C-alpha atoms as a PDB file:
ATOM      1  CA  MET A   1       3.539   1.765  46.479  1.00  0.00           C
ATOM      2  CA  VAL A   2       5.558   0.448  43.553  1.00  0.00           C
ATOM      3  CA  ASP A   3       9.154  -0.536  44.216  1.00  0.00           C
ATOM      4  CA  MET A   4      11.162   1.123  41.405  1.00  0.00           C
ATOM      5  CA  ALA A   5      14.512  -0.156  42.668  1.00  0.00           C
ATOM      6  CA  THR A   6      13.986  -3.713  41.425  1.00  0.00           C
ATOM      7  CA  PRO A   7      12.383  -3.742  37.985  1.00  0.00           C
ATOM      8  CA  LYS A   8      11.113  -7.085  36.739  1.00  0.00           C
ATOM      9  CA  ASN A   9      12.697  -8.192  33.483  1.00  0.00           C
ATOM     10  CA  SER A  10      11.468 -11.059  31.348  1.00  0.00           C
ATOM     11  CA  VAL A  11      12.661 -12.570  28.093  1.00  0.00           C
ATOM     12  CA  THR A  12      10.479 -14.867  25.997  1.00  0.00           C
ATOM     13  CA  SER A  13      11.282 -16.524  22.706  1.00  0.00           C
ATOM     14  CA  GLU A  14       8.759 -17.585  20.068  1.00  0.00           C
ATOM     15  CA  THR A  15       8.845 -19.052  16.582  1.00  0.00           C
ATOM     16  CA  VAL A  16       7.311 -16.620  14.077  1.00  0.00           C
ATOM     17  CA  THR A  17       6.623 -16.667  10.347  1.00  0.00           C
ATOM     18  CA  VAL A  18       7.796 -13.618   8.384  1.00  0.00           C
ATOM     19  CA  ARG A  19       6.702 -12.730   4.857  1.00  0.00           C
ATOM     20  CA  ARG A  20       7.003  -9.659   2.681  1.00  0.00           C
ATOM     21  CA  SER A  21       3.909  -7.797   1.571  1.00  0.00           C
ATOM     22  CA  PRO A  22       3.496  -4.900  -0.869  1.00  0.00           C
ATOM     23  CA  ARG A  23       2.179  -1.564   0.368  1.00  0.00           C
ATOM     24  CA  TYR A  24      -1.229  -1.295  -1.244  1.00  0.00           C
ATOM     25  CA  LEU A  25      -1.624   2.460  -0.788  1.00  0.00           C
ATOM     26  CA  ARG A  26       1.579   3.142  -2.742  1.00  0.00           C
ATOM     27  CA  PHE A  27       0.448   0.931  -5.607  1.00  0.00           C
ATOM     28  CA  PHE A  28      -2.954   2.639  -5.590  1.00  0.00           C
ATOM     29  CA  ILE A  29      -1.393   6.124  -5.689  1.00  0.00           C
ATOM     30  CA  LEU A  30       0.968   5.017  -8.468  1.00  0.00           C
ATOM     31  CA  GLY A  31      -2.050   3.755 -10.413  1.00  0.00           C
ATOM     32  CA  LEU A  32      -3.771   7.117  -9.915  1.00  0.00           C
ATOM     33  CA  ILE A  33      -0.710   8.951 -11.222  1.00  0.00           C
ATOM     34  CA  VAL A  34      -0.614   6.683 -14.276  1.00  0.00           C
ATOM     35  CA  GLY A  35      -4.336   7.394 -14.720  1.00  0.00           C
ATOM     36  CA  VAL A  36      -3.772  11.170 -14.740  1.00  0.00           C
ATOM     37  CA  ILE A  37      -0.998  10.808 -17.311  1.00  0.00           C
ATOM     38  CA  ALA A  38      -3.228   8.558 -19.431  1.00  0.00           C
ATOM     39  CA  ALA A  39      -6.044  11.140 -19.236  1.00  0.00           C
ATOM     40  CA  LEU A  40      -3.688  13.858 -20.459  1.00  0.00           C
ATOM     41  CA  VAL A  41      -2.483  11.713 -23.348  1.00  0.00           C
ATOM     42  CA  LEU A  42      -5.992  10.621 -24.319  1.00  0.00           C
ATOM     43  CA  THR A  43      -7.242  14.211 -24.224  1.00  0.00           C
ATOM     44  CA  VAL A  44      -4.549  15.280 -26.665  1.00  0.00           C
ATOM     45  CA  VAL A  45      -5.031  12.232 -28.915  1.00  0.00           C
ATOM     46  CA  PHE A  46      -8.799  12.591 -29.381  1.00  0.00           C
ATOM     47  CA  PRO A  47      -9.857  15.021 -32.100  1.00  0.00           C
ATOM     48  CA  ILE A  48     -11.434  18.276 -30.934  1.00  0.00           C
ATOM     49  CA  ASP A  49     -15.227  18.109 -31.058  1.00  0.00           C
ATOM     50  CA  ALA A  50     -17.438  21.179 -31.308  1.00  0.00           C
ATOM     51  CA  GLN A  51     -19.840  19.662 -28.798  1.00  0.00           C
ATOM     52  CA  TYR A  52     -17.333  19.346 -25.909  1.00  0.00           C
ATOM     53  CA  THR A  53     -14.500  21.602 -24.779  1.00  0.00           C
ATOM     54  CA  VAL A  54     -11.004  20.284 -24.152  1.00  0.00           C
ATOM     55  CA  LEU A  55     -11.536  20.686 -20.413  1.00  0.00           C
ATOM     56  CA  GLN A  56     -14.717  18.603 -20.517  1.00  0.00           C
ATOM     57  CA  VAL A  57     -12.979  15.866 -22.486  1.00  0.00           C
ATOM     58  CA  PHE A  58     -10.125  15.912 -19.955  1.00  0.00           C
ATOM     59  CA  GLY A  59     -12.642  15.632 -17.111  1.00  0.00           C
ATOM     60  CA  PHE A  60     -14.345  12.632 -18.699  1.00  0.00           C
ATOM     61  CA  MET A  61     -11.044  10.945 -19.412  1.00  0.00           C
ATOM     62  CA  LEU A  62      -9.813  11.730 -15.905  1.00  0.00           C
ATOM     63  CA  LEU A  63     -12.826  10.077 -14.284  1.00  0.00           C
ATOM     64  CA  ILE A  64     -12.430   6.944 -16.354  1.00  0.00           C
ATOM     65  CA  SER A  65      -8.640   6.693 -16.199  1.00  0.00           C
ATOM     66  CA  LEU A  66      -8.431   7.378 -12.438  1.00  0.00           C
ATOM     67  CA  SER A  67     -10.829   4.512 -11.769  1.00  0.00           C
ATOM     68  CA  LEU A  68      -9.023   2.144 -14.088  1.00  0.00           C
ATOM     69  CA  GLY A  69      -5.538   3.258 -12.967  1.00  0.00           C
ATOM     70  CA  GLY A  70      -6.317   2.856  -9.268  1.00  0.00           C
ATOM     71  CA  ALA A  71      -7.899  -0.545  -9.854  1.00  0.00           C
ATOM     72  CA  LEU A  72      -4.977  -1.634 -12.025  1.00  0.00           C
ATOM     73  CA  GLY A  73      -2.491  -0.571  -9.328  1.00  0.00           C
ATOM     74  CA  LEU A  74      -4.340  -2.623  -6.722  1.00  0.00           C
ATOM     75  CA  VAL A  75      -4.514  -5.654  -9.038  1.00  0.00           C
ATOM     76  CA  VAL A  76      -0.744  -5.454  -9.579  1.00  0.00           C
ATOM     77  CA  ALA A  77      -0.230  -5.257  -5.796  1.00  0.00           C
ATOM     78  CA  ILE A  78      -2.443  -8.306  -5.240  1.00  0.00           C
ATOM     79  CA  ILE A  79      -0.582 -10.279  -7.911  1.00  0.00           C
ATOM     80  CA  LEU A  80       2.751  -9.339  -6.338  1.00  0.00           C
ATOM     81  CA  ASP A  81       1.423 -10.285  -2.908  1.00  0.00           C
ATOM     82  CA  ARG A  82       0.408 -13.710  -4.196  1.00  0.00           C
ATOM     83  CA  THR A  83       3.717 -14.382  -5.934  1.00  0.00           C
ATOM     84  CA  VAL A  84       6.169 -12.832  -3.467  1.00  0.00           C
ATOM     85  CA  GLY A  85       4.038 -13.689  -0.439  1.00  0.00           C
ATOM     86  CA  LYS A  86       4.612 -17.386  -0.990  1.00  0.00           C
ATOM     87  CA  ARG A  87       8.188 -16.995   0.142  1.00  0.00           C
ATOM     88  CA  THR A  88       7.977 -17.081   3.903  1.00  0.00           C
ATOM     89  CA  ILE A  89      10.650 -17.771   6.460  1.00  0.00           C
ATOM     90  CA  THR A  90      10.331 -19.102   9.979  1.00  0.00           C
ATOM     91  CA  THR A  91      12.622 -17.573  12.573  1.00  0.00           C
ATOM     92  CA  GLN A  92      12.991 -17.062  16.306  1.00  0.00           C
ATOM     93  CA  ALA A  93      11.778 -13.781  17.806  1.00  0.00           C
ATOM     94  CA  THR A  94      12.751 -12.619  21.254  1.00  0.00           C
ATOM     95  CA  ARG A  95      10.507 -10.369  23.345  1.00  0.00           C
ATOM     96  CA  GLU A  96      12.077  -8.501  26.213  1.00  0.00           C
ATOM     97  CA  THR A  97      10.000  -6.807  28.872  1.00  0.00           C
ATOM     98  CA  VAL A  98      11.827  -4.336  31.100  1.00  0.00           C
ATOM     99  CA  GLY A  99      10.237  -2.701  34.081  1.00  0.00           C
ATOM    100  CA  ASN A 100       7.218  -3.379  36.192  1.00  0.00           C
ATOM    101  CA  PRO A 101       4.445  -4.886  34.020  1.00  0.00           C
ATOM    102  CA  GLU A 102       1.797  -4.001  36.618  1.00  0.00           C
ATOM    103  CA  ALA A 103       2.464  -0.242  36.344  1.00  0.00           C
END
């Protein structure tokens, strides 16, 4: 039987290193959005060809620009991670455990 009347509390302190990191998924999604906009612009800019419809040209441009936009977004995130990630700080972190750790 566990004695709930006297919970065991513990406090530990450690030195930790904290650094900021970009969120890669957000940069990837932003790159995809830029890719869609680029596909729309490129579809309008290219002259109309009798061999392909406007929808086919948009599909081709979308495939290419989504790949390049997503990759470009990830490259920007990696570059930011390398430049901003160099700034790290060392600080004290405190961990508090309340209750019975065996339960």
